């Protein structure tokens, strides 16, 4: 191998190493961006999970309120039926006998 070949080989190795270092630098930058995006995503997922927990709690409260309202409606219906029966009996009793 001649001195010229050794110099070309060394230059090739140096050029290759420089390209690899530049590539590694670019990959490190991209990795840093991905890590930042992942941290943001993890935060958003955590906030979403908390919102879901609050939503489930509110839905449970709403279901309990609806059950209470349905029970109250049953009592209102019973009282209204009793009032209608009373009014019906009162009207029949006070009707004038047919002539």
N, C-alpha and C. Protein backbone atom coordinates (compact mmCIF):
# COMPACT_ATOMS: atom_id res chain seq x y z
N UNK A 1 0.84 -1.16 0.00
CA UNK A 1 0.00 0.00 0.00
C UNK A 1 0.90 1.24 0.00
N UNK A 2 0.56 2.16 -0.85
CA UNK A 2 1.39 3.36 -0.97
C UNK A 2 0.94 4.40 0.06
N UNK A 3 1.75 5.39 0.23
CA UNK A 3 1.46 6.47 1.16
C UNK A 3 0.18 7.19 0.73
N UNK A 4 -0.03 7.33 -0.56
CA UNK A 4 -1.22 7.97 -1.11
C UNK A 4 -2.46 7.16 -0.74
N UNK A 5 -2.39 5.83 -0.83
CA UNK A 5 -3.52 4.97 -0.47
C UNK A 5 -3.83 5.08 1.02
N UNK A 6 -2.80 5.14 1.84
CA UNK A 6 -3.00 5.25 3.30
C UNK A 6 -3.67 6.58 3.61
N UNK A 7 -3.23 7.66 2.96
CA UNK A 7 -3.84 8.97 3.19
C UNK A 7 -5.30 8.99 2.74
N UNK A 8 -5.61 8.37 1.62
CA UNK A 8 -6.99 8.29 1.13
C UNK A 8 -7.84 7.49 2.10
N UNK A 9 -7.29 6.39 2.60
CA UNK A 9 -8.02 5.55 3.56
C UNK A 9 -8.28 6.32 4.84
N UNK A 10 -7.27 7.02 5.33
CA UNK A 10 -7.43 7.80 6.56
C UNK A 10 -8.47 8.91 6.35
N UNK A 11 -8.42 9.56 5.19
CA UNK A 11 -9.40 10.61 4.90
C UNK A 11 -10.80 10.03 4.81
N UNK A 12 -10.92 8.85 4.20
CA UNK A 12 -12.21 8.17 4.11
C UNK A 12 -12.75 7.87 5.51
N UNK A 13 -11.87 7.37 6.39
CA UNK A 13 -12.27 7.05 7.76
C UNK A 13 -12.68 8.32 8.49
N UNK A 14 -11.95 9.39 8.35
CA UNK A 14 -12.29 10.66 9.00
C UNK A 14 -13.61 11.22 8.49
N UNK A 15 -13.81 11.16 7.17
CA UNK A 15 -15.07 11.64 6.58
C UNK A 15 -16.25 10.80 7.07
N UNK A 16 -16.04 9.50 7.12
CA UNK A 16 -17.10 8.60 7.59
C UNK A 16 -17.42 8.89 9.05
N UNK A 17 -16.40 9.08 9.86
CA UNK A 17 -16.60 9.37 11.28
C UNK A 17 -17.33 10.71 11.44
N UNK A 18 -16.98 11.68 10.66
CA UNK A 18 -17.65 12.99 10.73
C UNK A 18 -19.13 12.86 10.37
N UNK A 19 -19.43 12.09 9.32
CA UNK A 19 -20.84 11.88 8.93
C UNK A 19 -21.59 11.14 10.03
N UNK A 20 -20.94 10.15 10.63
CA UNK A 20 -21.59 9.39 11.70
C UNK A 20 -21.86 10.28 12.92
N UNK A 21 -20.89 11.13 13.26
CA UNK A 21 -21.09 12.03 14.39
C UNK A 21 -22.22 13.02 14.11
N UNK A 22 -22.30 13.52 12.90
CA UNK A 22 -23.39 14.42 12.53
C UNK A 22 -24.72 13.68 12.61
N UNK A 23 -24.73 12.46 12.14
CA UNK A 23 -25.95 11.65 12.19
C UNK A 23 -26.38 11.38 13.63
N UNK A 24 -25.42 11.06 14.47
CA UNK A 24 -25.72 10.82 15.89
C UNK A 24 -26.28 12.10 16.52
N UNK A 25 -25.70 13.25 16.17
CA UNK A 25 -26.21 14.52 16.67
C UNK A 25 -27.65 14.76 16.26
N UNK A 26 -27.96 14.48 15.00
CA UNK A 26 -29.34 14.63 14.52
C UNK A 26 -30.28 13.68 15.24
N UNK A 27 -29.82 12.45 15.45
CA UNK A 27 -30.65 11.47 16.16
C UNK A 27 -30.88 11.89 17.61
N UNK A 28 -29.85 12.47 18.22
CA UNK A 28 -30.01 12.94 19.61
C UNK A 28 -31.03 14.07 19.68
N UNK A 29 -31.00 14.98 18.70
CA UNK A 29 -31.99 16.07 18.66
C UNK A 29 -33.40 15.51 18.49
N UNK A 30 -33.54 14.58 17.58
CA UNK A 30 -34.86 13.96 17.35
C UNK A 30 -35.32 13.22 18.60
N UNK A 31 -34.41 12.53 19.26
CA UNK A 31 -34.75 11.80 20.48
C UNK A 31 -35.19 12.76 21.57
N UNK A 32 -34.53 13.90 21.69
CA UNK A 32 -34.92 14.90 22.69
C UNK A 32 -36.33 15.42 22.41
N UNK A 33 -36.66 15.64 21.12
CA UNK A 33 -38.01 16.09 20.76
C UNK A 33 -39.04 15.02 21.08
N UNK A 34 -38.68 13.78 20.80
CA UNK A 34 -39.60 12.67 21.09
C UNK A 34 -39.82 12.55 22.59
N UNK A 35 -38.77 12.69 23.38
CA UNK A 35 -38.90 12.62 24.83
C UNK A 35 -39.79 13.74 25.35
N UNK A 36 -39.65 14.95 24.80
CA UNK A 36 -40.49 16.07 25.21
C UNK A 36 -41.95 15.80 24.84
N UNK A 37 -42.16 15.28 23.64
CA UNK A 37 -43.52 14.95 23.22
C UNK A 37 -44.12 13.86 24.10
N UNK A 38 -43.32 12.89 24.46
CA UNK A 38 -43.78 11.80 25.32
C UNK A 38 -44.14 12.32 26.71
N UNK A 39 -43.35 13.25 27.23
CA UNK A 39 -43.67 13.84 28.53
C UNK A 39 -44.98 14.61 28.46
N UNK A 40 -45.19 15.35 27.40
CA UNK A 40 -46.45 16.09 27.21
C UNK A 40 -47.62 15.11 27.11
N UNK A 41 -47.43 14.07 26.35
CA UNK A 41 -48.47 13.06 26.18
C UNK A 41 -48.79 12.38 27.51
N UNK A 42 -47.78 12.06 28.29
CA UNK A 42 -48.00 11.43 29.60
C UNK A 42 -48.80 12.37 30.51
N UNK A 43 -48.49 13.66 30.46
CA UNK A 43 -49.23 14.63 31.26
C UNK A 43 -50.69 14.68 30.81
N UNK A 44 -50.90 14.69 29.52
CA UNK A 44 -52.27 14.74 28.99
C UNK A 44 -53.06 13.49 29.36
N UNK A 45 -52.42 12.34 29.30
CA UNK A 45 -53.09 11.09 29.67
C UNK A 45 -53.46 11.12 31.16
N UNK A 46 -52.56 11.64 31.98
CA UNK A 46 -52.86 11.76 33.40
C UNK A 46 -54.04 12.68 33.65
N UNK A 47 -54.06 13.81 32.96
CA UNK A 47 -55.17 14.74 33.12
C UNK A 47 -56.47 14.15 32.61
N UNK A 48 -56.39 13.40 31.52
CA UNK A 48 -57.58 12.74 30.98
C UNK A 48 -58.10 11.69 31.96
N UNK A 49 -57.21 10.95 32.58
CA UNK A 49 -57.62 9.95 33.57
C UNK A 49 -58.33 10.61 34.74
N UNK A 50 -57.80 11.75 35.21
CA UNK A 50 -58.44 12.47 36.30
C UNK A 50 -59.82 12.98 35.88
N UNK A 51 -59.93 13.48 34.66
CA UNK A 51 -61.22 13.95 34.16
C UNK A 51 -62.22 12.80 34.07
N UNK A 52 -61.74 11.64 33.67
CA UNK A 52 -62.62 10.47 33.58
C UNK A 52 -63.11 10.07 34.97
N UNK A 53 -62.23 10.13 35.95
CA UNK A 53 -62.63 9.80 37.33
C UNK A 53 -63.71 10.77 37.80
N UNK A 54 -63.51 12.06 37.54
CA UNK A 54 -64.52 13.06 37.94
C UNK A 54 -65.84 12.82 37.21
N UNK A 55 -65.76 12.46 35.94
CA UNK A 55 -66.96 12.20 35.16
C UNK A 55 -67.73 11.00 35.73
N UNK A 56 -67.02 9.95 36.07
CA UNK A 56 -67.67 8.77 36.64
C UNK A 56 -68.34 9.12 37.97
N UNK A 57 -67.65 9.92 38.79
CA UNK A 57 -68.24 10.34 40.07
C UNK A 57 -69.52 11.14 39.84
N UNK A 58 -69.48 12.05 38.87
CA UNK A 58 -70.67 12.86 38.57
C UNK A 58 -71.79 12.00 38.01
N UNK A 59 -71.44 11.02 37.18
CA UNK A 59 -72.47 10.12 36.64
C UNK A 59 -73.11 9.30 37.75
N UNK A 60 -72.31 8.84 38.70
CA UNK A 60 -72.86 8.09 39.83
C UNK A 60 -73.79 8.97 40.65
N UNK A 61 -73.38 10.22 40.87
CA UNK A 61 -74.23 11.16 41.61
C UNK A 61 -75.53 11.41 40.86
N UNK A 62 -75.42 11.58 39.55
CA UNK A 62 -76.61 11.80 38.72
C UNK A 62 -77.54 10.59 38.76
N UNK A 63 -76.98 9.39 38.71
CA UNK A 63 -77.80 8.18 38.77
C UNK A 63 -78.54 8.08 40.11
N UNK A 64 -77.84 8.42 41.18
CA UNK A 64 -78.48 8.39 42.51
C UNK A 64 -79.59 9.44 42.58
N UNK A 65 -79.33 10.63 42.04
CA UNK A 65 -80.36 11.68 42.03
C UNK A 65 -81.56 11.25 41.20
N UNK A 66 -81.30 10.61 40.09
CA UNK A 66 -82.39 10.16 39.24
C UNK A 66 -83.22 9.08 39.95
N UNK A 67 -82.57 8.20 40.68
CA UNK A 67 -83.30 7.18 41.44
C UNK A 67 -84.16 7.84 42.51
N UNK A 68 -83.62 8.85 43.19
CA UNK A 68 -84.40 9.57 44.20
C UNK A 68 -85.61 10.26 43.55
N UNK A 69 -85.38 10.87 42.39
CA UNK A 69 -86.46 11.54 41.69
C UNK A 69 -87.55 10.55 41.26
N UNK A 70 -87.14 9.40 40.79
CA UNK A 70 -88.11 8.37 40.38
C UNK A 70 -88.95 7.92 41.57
N UNK A 71 -88.32 7.76 42.72
CA UNK A 71 -89.05 7.36 43.93
C UNK A 71 -90.02 8.46 44.35
N UNK A 72 -89.57 9.70 44.28
CA UNK A 72 -90.43 10.83 44.61
C UNK A 72 -91.60 10.91 43.64
N UNK A 73 -91.36 10.62 42.38
CA UNK A 73 -92.43 10.65 41.38
C UNK A 73 -93.48 9.58 41.68
N UNK A 74 -93.05 8.44 42.17
CA UNK A 74 -94.02 7.39 42.54
C UNK A 74 -94.95 7.90 43.63
N UNK A 75 -94.37 8.56 44.64
CA UNK A 75 -95.20 9.09 45.73
C UNK A 75 -96.13 10.19 45.21
N UNK A 76 -95.66 11.02 44.33
CA UNK A 76 -96.49 12.07 43.75
C UNK A 76 -97.63 11.45 42.96
N UNK A 77 -97.34 10.43 42.18
CA UNK A 77 -98.38 9.74 41.42
C UNK A 77 -99.42 9.14 42.34
N UNK A 78 -98.99 8.53 43.45
CA UNK A 78 -99.93 7.93 44.39
C UNK A 78 -100.82 8.99 45.02
N UNK A 79 -100.23 10.12 45.38
CA UNK A 79 -101.01 11.20 46.00
C UNK A 79 -101.98 11.80 44.98
N UNK A 80 -101.54 11.94 43.73
CA UNK A 80 -102.41 12.48 42.69
C UNK A 80 -103.56 11.52 42.43
N UNK A 81 -103.26 10.22 42.38
CA UNK A 81 -104.33 9.23 42.20
C UNK A 81 -105.34 9.31 43.34
N UNK A 82 -104.85 9.48 44.57
CA UNK A 82 -105.74 9.59 45.71
C UNK A 82 -106.61 10.84 45.60
N UNK A 83 -106.02 11.95 45.17
CA UNK A 83 -106.78 13.20 45.00
C UNK A 83 -107.84 13.04 43.91
N UNK A 84 -107.46 12.40 42.82
CA UNK A 84 -108.43 12.18 41.73
C UNK A 84 -109.57 11.30 42.23
N UNK A 85 -109.26 10.24 42.95
CA UNK A 85 -110.31 9.38 43.50
C UNK A 85 -111.23 10.17 44.44
N UNK A 86 -110.63 10.99 45.30
CA UNK A 86 -111.42 11.80 46.23
C UNK A 86 -112.33 12.75 45.46
N UNK A 87 -111.76 13.44 44.46
CA UNK A 87 -112.56 14.39 43.68
C UNK A 87 -113.67 13.67 42.93
N UNK A 88 -113.38 12.49 42.42
CA UNK A 88 -114.38 11.71 41.70
C UNK A 88 -115.52 11.30 42.64
N UNK A 89 -115.18 10.81 43.82
CA UNK A 89 -116.21 10.41 44.80
C UNK A 89 -117.03 11.64 45.24
N UNK A 90 -116.35 12.76 45.43
CA UNK A 90 -117.02 13.98 45.86
C UNK A 90 -118.01 14.44 44.79
N UNK A 91 -117.57 14.40 43.53
CA UNK A 91 -118.45 14.83 42.45
C UNK A 91 -119.64 13.91 42.31
N UNK A 92 -119.44 12.62 42.47
CA UNK A 92 -120.58 11.66 42.36
C UNK A 92 -121.57 11.87 43.51
N UNK A 93 -121.03 12.12 44.66
CA UNK A 93 -121.90 12.28 45.84
C UNK A 93 -122.71 13.57 45.72
N UNK A 94 -122.16 14.57 45.13
CA UNK A 94 -122.85 15.86 45.04
C UNK A 94 -123.64 16.05 43.76
N UNK A 95 -123.67 15.02 42.94
CA UNK A 95 -124.46 15.14 41.72
C UNK A 95 -125.95 15.17 42.07
N UNK A 96 -126.66 15.93 41.33
CA UNK A 96 -128.10 15.99 41.56
C UNK A 96 -128.72 14.70 41.07
N UNK A 97 -129.65 14.14 41.82
CA UNK A 97 -130.30 12.92 41.36
C UNK A 97 -131.09 13.20 40.08
N UNK A 98 -131.11 12.23 39.22
CA UNK A 98 -131.83 12.42 37.95
C UNK A 98 -133.32 12.63 38.22
N UNK A 99 -134.00 13.50 37.46
CA UNK A 99 -135.43 13.78 37.65
C UNK A 99 -136.24 13.27 36.54
